[in-house]
Amino acid sequence: MVSNPLSVNVGNVSLKSPIILASGTCNFGRELAEYYDLSILGGISSKGLTIKPRAGNPGVRVAECDSGMLNSVGLQNPGVDYFIENDLDFMKDSGAAVIVNVAGHSYEDYIDMVTKLNEHKDKIDALEINLSCPNVKEGCMTIGSDPAAIKLITSKMRALTDLPLWIKLTPNVTDIKATALAAQEGGADAVVLINTLMGMRINIKTRRPVLTNNTGGYSGPAVKPVAIRMVAECSQVLDIPIIGCGGISDYQDVVEFMIAGASAVEVGTACLIHPALPVKITDDLKKYCEDNELTLKELTGTLQRW
């Protein structure tokens, strides 16, 4: 058995483990560092960052659902300058790969973000580009729902940096393969599948949505079958790696995603319930590899279809 059977590669990015903390559920890792050594992780994906600080959406922003949760936080974050000054070094010193999640509401936002972050590329392992935000200059149409827009913005960012670009795609589209291929054609190094599903809960007493923003992103165990299907579909048509996410809560979920075609995974909502869950998943994955005399990277894309 090799020294570390959990090590994987996402393109040119080497990870000691396939487990990445998903953006929006771990802030920048400081709080979780109180529970366990972050260096056991493959990587940490930062809170979604924007050029200027954002207070996020007002009112109720999170609601529990059966087998998951809705959130409409609204990209609350301290802004990229604050992050660079106060949190980037902490992430770099954590021992996990530094993945900076980039968000925006126009092409210019993404260009400005990548340009600024590229100045600190010696501390960053990859940029995770969240294309699920509404484009305010295009009638608030989600950039990630339009293959032409995905290809265009990805190519613009590709021209600005040699940092790995991981494009995080929305599942709220008719054909995920089309948007994933557009990211690849634009120069992406990997795609992240999937972001949250759009959902709603209603308070039957007030007859109003539970979330003040009316709708929110649905995450948790119930979205896993959708995510697995999309990873498997994209694995058949892409030449670049896939990072799978959506409903992962134990080692078996990780294995399932990798068999479907993922090279690594992101764990998010489950960590809000059990902050130290990655420790258990890591231990269980090591035992799985020992029991089956294999390395995790051998699993990627081994799905046997009927």
Protein backbone atom coordinates (compact mmCIF):
# COMPACT_ATOMS: atom_id res chain seq x y z
CA MET A 1 0.00 0.00 0.00
CA VAL A 2 1.28 3.47 -0.88
CA SER A 3 2.18 5.86 1.94
CA ASN A 4 -0.96 7.97 1.44
CA PRO A 5 -3.79 6.17 -0.35
CA LEU A 6 -6.01 9.27 -0.04
CA SER A 7 -3.86 11.58 -2.16
CA VAL A 8 -5.47 12.79 -5.39
CA ASN A 9 -4.80 15.25 -8.18
CA VAL A 10 -7.12 17.85 -9.66
CA GLY A 11 -5.22 18.71 -12.79
CA ASN A 12 -1.91 20.15 -11.61
CA VAL A 13 -3.14 20.60 -8.04
CA SER A 14 -2.01 17.84 -5.70
CA LEU A 15 -4.16 17.21 -2.64
CA LYS A 16 -3.29 14.98 0.31
CA SER A 17 -6.98 14.05 0.56
CA PRO A 18 -9.99 14.35 -1.75
CA ILE A 19 -11.88 16.25 0.98
CA ILE A 20 -12.27 20.00 0.50
CA LEU A 21 -14.35 22.17 2.81
CA ALA A 22 -17.06 23.74 0.65
CA SER A 23 -17.32 27.50 0.26
CA GLY A 24 -19.82 29.25 2.47
CA THR A 25 -19.81 26.61 5.20
CA CYS A 26 -16.36 27.06 6.74
CA ASN A 27 -15.71 30.83 6.45
CA PHE A 28 -11.89 30.80 6.15
CA GLY A 29 -11.30 27.82 8.43
CA ARG A 30 -10.54 29.58 11.70
CA GLU A 31 -13.60 28.35 13.57
CA LEU A 32 -13.14 24.74 12.49
CA ALA A 33 -9.45 24.84 13.47
CA GLU A 34 -10.70 24.75 17.06
CA TYR A 35 -12.04 21.23 16.46
CA TYR A 36 -9.29 19.50 14.48
CA ASP A 37 -6.04 19.91 12.58
CA LEU A 38 -6.99 21.40 9.21
CA SER A 39 -3.88 19.91 7.60
CA ILE A 40 -5.70 16.57 7.27
CA LEU A 41 -7.85 18.17 4.59
CA GLY A 42 -7.19 18.24 0.90
CA GLY A 43 -8.21 21.89 0.75
CA ILE A 44 -10.35 24.72 2.06
CA SER A 45 -12.61 26.72 -0.24
CA SER A 46 -12.99 30.20 1.19
CA LYS A 47 -16.18 32.10 1.83
CA GLY A 48 -17.41 33.54 -1.45
CA LEU A 49 -15.55 36.82 -1.92
CA THR A 50 -16.47 39.98 -3.78
CA ILE A 51 -14.58 43.15 -4.63
CA LYS A 52 -16.36 45.19 -1.95
CA PRO A 53 -17.64 44.00 1.44
CA ARG A 54 -21.24 42.76 1.45
CA ALA A 55 -23.62 42.68 4.41
CA GLY A 56 -25.69 39.97 2.77
CA ASN A 57 -29.45 39.66 2.58
CA PRO A 58 -31.65 41.07 5.36
CA GLY A 59 -34.11 39.07 7.42
CA VAL A 60 -34.36 35.29 7.66
CA ARG A 61 -31.56 33.78 5.57
CA VAL A 62 -31.52 30.11 6.57
CA ALA A 63 -34.32 27.55 6.88
CA GLU A 64 -34.23 23.86 7.74
CA CYS A 65 -35.89 21.40 5.36
CA ASP A 66 -36.38 17.68 5.27
CA SER A 67 -32.96 16.18 4.48
CA GLY A 68 -31.31 19.54 3.98
CA MET A 69 -31.47 23.30 4.33
CA LEU A 70 -32.24 26.45 2.37
CA ASN A 71 -29.96 29.45 2.49
CA SER A 72 -30.11 32.92 1.05
CA VAL A 73 -27.17 34.54 2.83
CA GLY A 74 -26.48 36.89 -0.05
CA LEU A 75 -22.70 36.54 -0.30
CA GLN A 76 -22.01 38.19 3.04
CA ASN A 77 -18.24 38.65 3.16
CA PRO A 78 -15.60 41.17 4.27
CA GLY A 79 -14.38 41.92 0.74
CA VAL A 80 -11.29 40.67 -1.03
CA ASP A 81 -8.90 43.31 0.35
CA TYR A 82 -9.77 42.43 3.95
CA PHE A 83 -9.39 38.73 3.12
CA ILE A 84 -5.94 39.24 1.63
CA GLU A 85 -4.78 41.25 4.61
CA ASN A 86 -6.33 39.19 7.41
CA ASP A 87 -7.19 35.65 6.29
CA LEU A 88 -5.10 34.52 3.32
CA ASP A 89 -1.99 33.84 5.39
CA PHE A 90 -4.04 31.85 7.91
CA MET A 91 -5.38 29.65 5.13
CA LYS A 92 -1.91 29.22 3.66
CA ASP A 93 -0.50 28.19 7.05
CA SER A 94 -3.33 25.68 7.67
CA GLY A 95 -1.58 22.95 5.71
CA ALA A 96 -4.55 22.47 3.38
CA ALA A 97 -4.66 23.68 -0.21
CA VAL A 98 -5.92 27.26 -0.50
CA ILE A 99 -8.91 27.58 -2.82
CA VAL A 100 -10.31 31.10 -3.08
CA ASN A 101 -13.97 31.31 -4.03
CA VAL A 102 -14.63 34.24 -6.38
CA ALA A 103 -18.10 35.75 -6.83
CA GLY A 104 -19.46 38.71 -8.74
CA HIS A 105 -22.45 40.30 -10.43
CA SER A 106 -20.84 41.34 -13.72
CA TYR A 107 -17.97 40.35 -15.97
CA GLU A 108 -16.02 43.32 -14.60
CA ASP A 109 -16.37 41.99 -11.04
CA TYR A 110 -14.75 38.70 -11.97
CA ILE A 111 -11.99 40.40 -13.96
CA ASP A 112 -11.18 42.73 -11.06
CA MET A 113 -11.19 39.87 -8.55
CA VAL A 114 -8.91 37.61 -10.57
CA THR A 115 -6.54 40.48 -11.32
CA LYS A 116 -6.23 41.34 -7.62
CA LEU A 117 -5.88 37.74 -6.44
CA ASN A 118 -3.29 36.96 -9.09
CA GLU A 119 -0.95 39.35 -7.29
CA HIS A 120 -0.92 36.84 -4.42
CA LYS A 121 -0.77 33.66 -6.47
CA ASP A 122 2.18 32.33 -4.48
CA LYS A 123 -0.27 31.77 -1.58
CA ILE A 124 -3.18 30.38 -3.62
CA ASP A 125 -3.56 26.88 -5.08
CA ALA A 126 -6.71 27.45 -7.15
CA LEU A 127 -9.50 29.93 -7.82
CA GLU A 128 -13.02 28.55 -7.54
CA ILE A 129 -15.23 30.73 -9.72
CA ASN A 130 -18.84 30.88 -8.58
CA LEU A 131 -20.90 31.48 -11.72
CA SER A 132 -24.25 31.09 -9.96
CA CYS A 133 -24.62 34.80 -9.18
CA PRO A 134 -27.16 36.96 -11.04
CA ASN A 135 -25.54 39.25 -13.62
CA VAL A 136 -26.94 42.70 -12.81
CA LYS A 137 -25.87 44.08 -16.19
CA GLU A 138 -27.75 41.38 -18.07
CA GLY A 139 -31.13 41.63 -16.36
CA CYS A 140 -29.92 39.55 -13.40
CA MET A 141 -29.67 36.43 -15.56
CA THR A 142 -27.40 33.91 -13.87
CA ILE A 143 -24.10 33.89 -15.76
CA GLY A 144 -23.73 30.18 -15.18
CA SER A 145 -26.96 29.33 -17.00
CA ASP A 146 -25.67 30.57 -20.37
CA PRO A 147 -22.95 28.47 -22.06
CA ALA A 148 -21.81 31.40 -24.23
CA ALA A 149 -21.45 33.62 -21.15
CA ILE A 150 -19.55 30.88 -19.28
CA LYS A 151 -17.10 30.42 -22.13
CA LEU A 152 -16.59 34.17 -22.50
CA ILE A 153 -15.95 34.99 -18.83
CA THR A 154 -13.78 31.90 -18.36
CA SER A 155 -11.60 32.86 -21.35
CA LYS A 156 -11.30 36.43 -20.02
CA MET A 157 -10.12 35.13 -16.63
CA ARG A 158 -7.83 32.59 -18.27
CA ALA A 159 -5.99 35.42 -20.01
CA LEU A 160 -5.29 37.08 -16.65
CA THR A 161 -3.77 34.28 -14.61
CA ASP A 162 -2.05 30.93 -14.73
CA LEU A 163 -3.66 29.93 -11.44
CA PRO A 164 -5.93 26.89 -11.83
CA LEU A 165 -9.51 27.97 -12.57
CA TRP A 166 -12.21 25.74 -11.09
CA ILE A 167 -15.61 26.78 -12.44
CA LYS A 168 -18.45 26.10 -9.99
CA LEU A 169 -21.64 25.54 -11.97
CA THR A 170 -25.29 25.90 -11.10
CA PRO A 171 -27.47 22.77 -11.42
CA ASN A 172 -30.47 24.97 -12.29
CA VAL A 173 -30.07 24.42 -16.03
CA THR A 174 -31.56 22.12 -18.64
CA ASP A 175 -28.28 20.52 -19.73
CA ILE A 176 -25.33 20.54 -17.30
CA LYS A 177 -23.09 19.02 -19.96
CA ALA A 178 -23.46 22.10 -22.17
CA THR A 179 -22.39 24.49 -19.42
CA ALA A 180 -19.54 22.23 -18.30
CA LEU A 181 -18.23 21.95 -21.85
CA ALA A 182 -18.44 25.73 -22.21
CA ALA A 183 -16.22 26.10 -19.14
CA GLN A 184 -13.73 23.64 -20.60
CA GLU A 185 -13.70 25.44 -23.94
CA GLY A 186 -13.07 28.73 -22.13
CA GLY A 187 -9.92 27.34 -20.52
CA ALA A 188 -11.12 26.01 -17.17
CA ASP A 189 -8.85 23.56 -15.36
CA ALA A 190 -11.78 21.83 -13.60
CA VAL A 191 -15.48 22.15 -12.91
CA VAL A 192 -17.21 21.94 -9.52
CA LEU A 193 -20.56 20.12 -9.52
CA ILE A 194 -22.96 21.08 -8.10
CA ASN A 195 -23.93 24.35 -6.50
CA THR A 196 -27.26 24.51 -4.65
CA LEU A 197 -30.67 23.79 -6.16
CA MET A 198 -33.18 26.65 -6.08
CA GLY A 199 -35.95 26.04 -3.57
CA MET A 200 -38.61 27.58 -1.34
CA ARG A 201 -40.43 26.93 1.95
CA ILE A 202 -43.71 28.59 2.95
CA ASN A 203 -44.98 29.47 6.40
CA ILE A 204 -48.58 28.20 6.29
CA LYS A 205 -49.68 30.65 9.01
CA THR A 206 -48.44 33.80 7.31
CA ARG A 207 -48.63 32.37 3.77
CA ARG A 208 -45.27 33.97 3.13
CA PRO A 209 -41.98 32.32 2.20
CA VAL A 210 -39.88 31.39 5.23
CA LEU A 211 -36.87 33.14 3.69
CA THR A 212 -37.15 36.91 3.43
CA ASN A 213 -35.57 36.66 -0.03
CA ASN A 214 -38.43 34.25 -0.97
CA THR A 215 -36.15 31.59 -2.48
CA GLY A 216 -32.79 30.13 -1.56
CA GLY A 217 -30.24 27.48 -2.37
CA TYR A 218 -31.15 23.95 -1.24
CA SER A 219 -28.29 21.77 0.01
CA GLY A 220 -27.91 18.63 2.07
CA PRO A 221 -28.38 14.86 1.64
CA ALA A 222 -31.45 15.15 -0.61
CA VAL A 223 -29.50 16.82 -3.43
CA LYS A 224 -26.89 14.03 -3.65
CA PRO A 225 -28.64 11.92 -6.32
CA VAL A 226 -28.92 15.00 -8.56
CA ALA A 227 -25.26 15.84 -8.03
CA ILE A 228 -24.15 12.26 -8.68
CA ARG A 229 -26.12 12.17 -11.92
CA MET A 230 -24.61 15.43 -13.13
CA VAL A 231 -21.06 14.36 -12.25
CA ALA A 232 -21.57 11.07 -14.10
CA GLU A 233 -22.98 12.85 -17.17
CA CYS A 234 -20.16 15.39 -17.32
CA SER A 235 -17.52 12.74 -16.74
CA GLN A 236 -18.48 11.20 -20.09
CA VAL A 237 -17.87 14.38 -22.10
CA LEU A 238 -15.15 16.36 -20.29
CA ASP A 239 -11.39 16.15 -20.58
CA ILE A 240 -10.84 18.18 -17.40
CA PRO A 241 -11.32 17.00 -13.80
CA ILE A 242 -14.53 17.29 -11.79
CA ILE A 243 -14.85 18.21 -8.12
CA GLY A 244 -18.09 16.72 -6.85
CA CYS A 245 -20.26 18.17 -4.10
CA GLY A 246 -23.80 17.98 -2.84
CA GLY A 247 -25.07 16.03 0.15
CA ILE A 248 -21.85 14.31 1.21
CA SER A 249 -22.06 13.16 4.82
CA ASP A 250 -19.92 10.00 5.07
CA TYR A 251 -17.09 8.13 3.36
CA GLN A 252 -19.47 6.10 1.22
CA ASP A 253 -20.75 9.31 -0.35
CA VAL A 254 -17.17 10.27 -1.21
CA VAL A 255 -16.56 6.90 -2.84
CA GLU A 256 -19.81 7.18 -4.80
CA PHE A 257 -18.88 10.60 -6.18
CA MET A 258 -15.43 9.38 -7.22
CA ILE A 259 -16.80 6.31 -8.98
CA ALA A 260 -19.20 8.65 -10.82
CA GLY A 261 -16.22 10.65 -12.10
CA ALA A 262 -15.05 13.10 -9.42
CA SER A 263 -11.35 13.54 -8.73
CA ALA A 264 -12.08 15.26 -5.40
CA VAL A 265 -15.12 16.32 -3.39
CA GLU A 266 -16.39 19.19 -1.28
CA VAL A 267 -18.19 18.72 2.04
CA GLY A 268 -20.34 21.57 3.31
CA THR A 269 -23.78 21.33 4.90
CA ALA A 270 -22.91 18.21 6.90
CA CYS A 271 -20.08 20.13 8.60
CA LEU A 272 -22.61 22.62 9.94
CA ILE A 273 -24.16 19.73 11.86
CA HIS A 274 -20.94 17.90 12.77
CA PRO A 275 -17.99 20.35 12.54
CA ALA A 276 -15.36 17.60 12.89
CA LEU A 277 -17.00 15.28 10.35
CA PRO A 278 -13.99 15.41 7.96
CA VAL A 279 -11.93 13.65 10.63
CA LYS A 280 -14.29 10.66 10.68
CA ILE A 281 -14.60 10.61 6.88
CA THR A 282 -10.80 10.65 6.58
CA ASP A 283 -10.38 7.76 9.01
CA ASP A 284 -13.12 5.76 7.30
CA LEU A 285 -11.61 6.37 3.85
CA LYS A 286 -8.23 5.12 5.04
CA LYS A 287 -9.83 1.93 6.32
CA TYR A 288 -11.79 1.55 3.07
CA CYS A 289 -8.57 1.79 1.06
CA GLU A 290 -6.82 -0.72 3.33
CA ASP A 291 -9.70 -3.19 3.24
CA ASN A 292 -9.95 -3.00 -0.55
CA GLU A 293 -6.21 -2.67 -1.25
CA LEU A 294 -6.56 0.38 -3.47
CA THR A 295 -5.92 4.10 -3.63
CA LEU A 296 -8.78 6.56 -3.94
CA LYS A 297 -7.55 8.01 -7.23
CA GLU A 298 -8.06 4.57 -8.77
CA LEU A 299 -11.81 4.96 -8.26
CA THR A 300 -12.35 8.08 -10.38
CA GLY A 301 -14.58 7.39 -13.36
CA THR A 302 -14.90 3.64 -12.79
CA LEU A 303 -18.71 3.62 -13.04
CA GLN A 304 -20.00 0.49 -14.78
CA ARG A 305 -23.20 1.35 -16.63
CA TRP A 306 -25.92 -1.15 -17.43
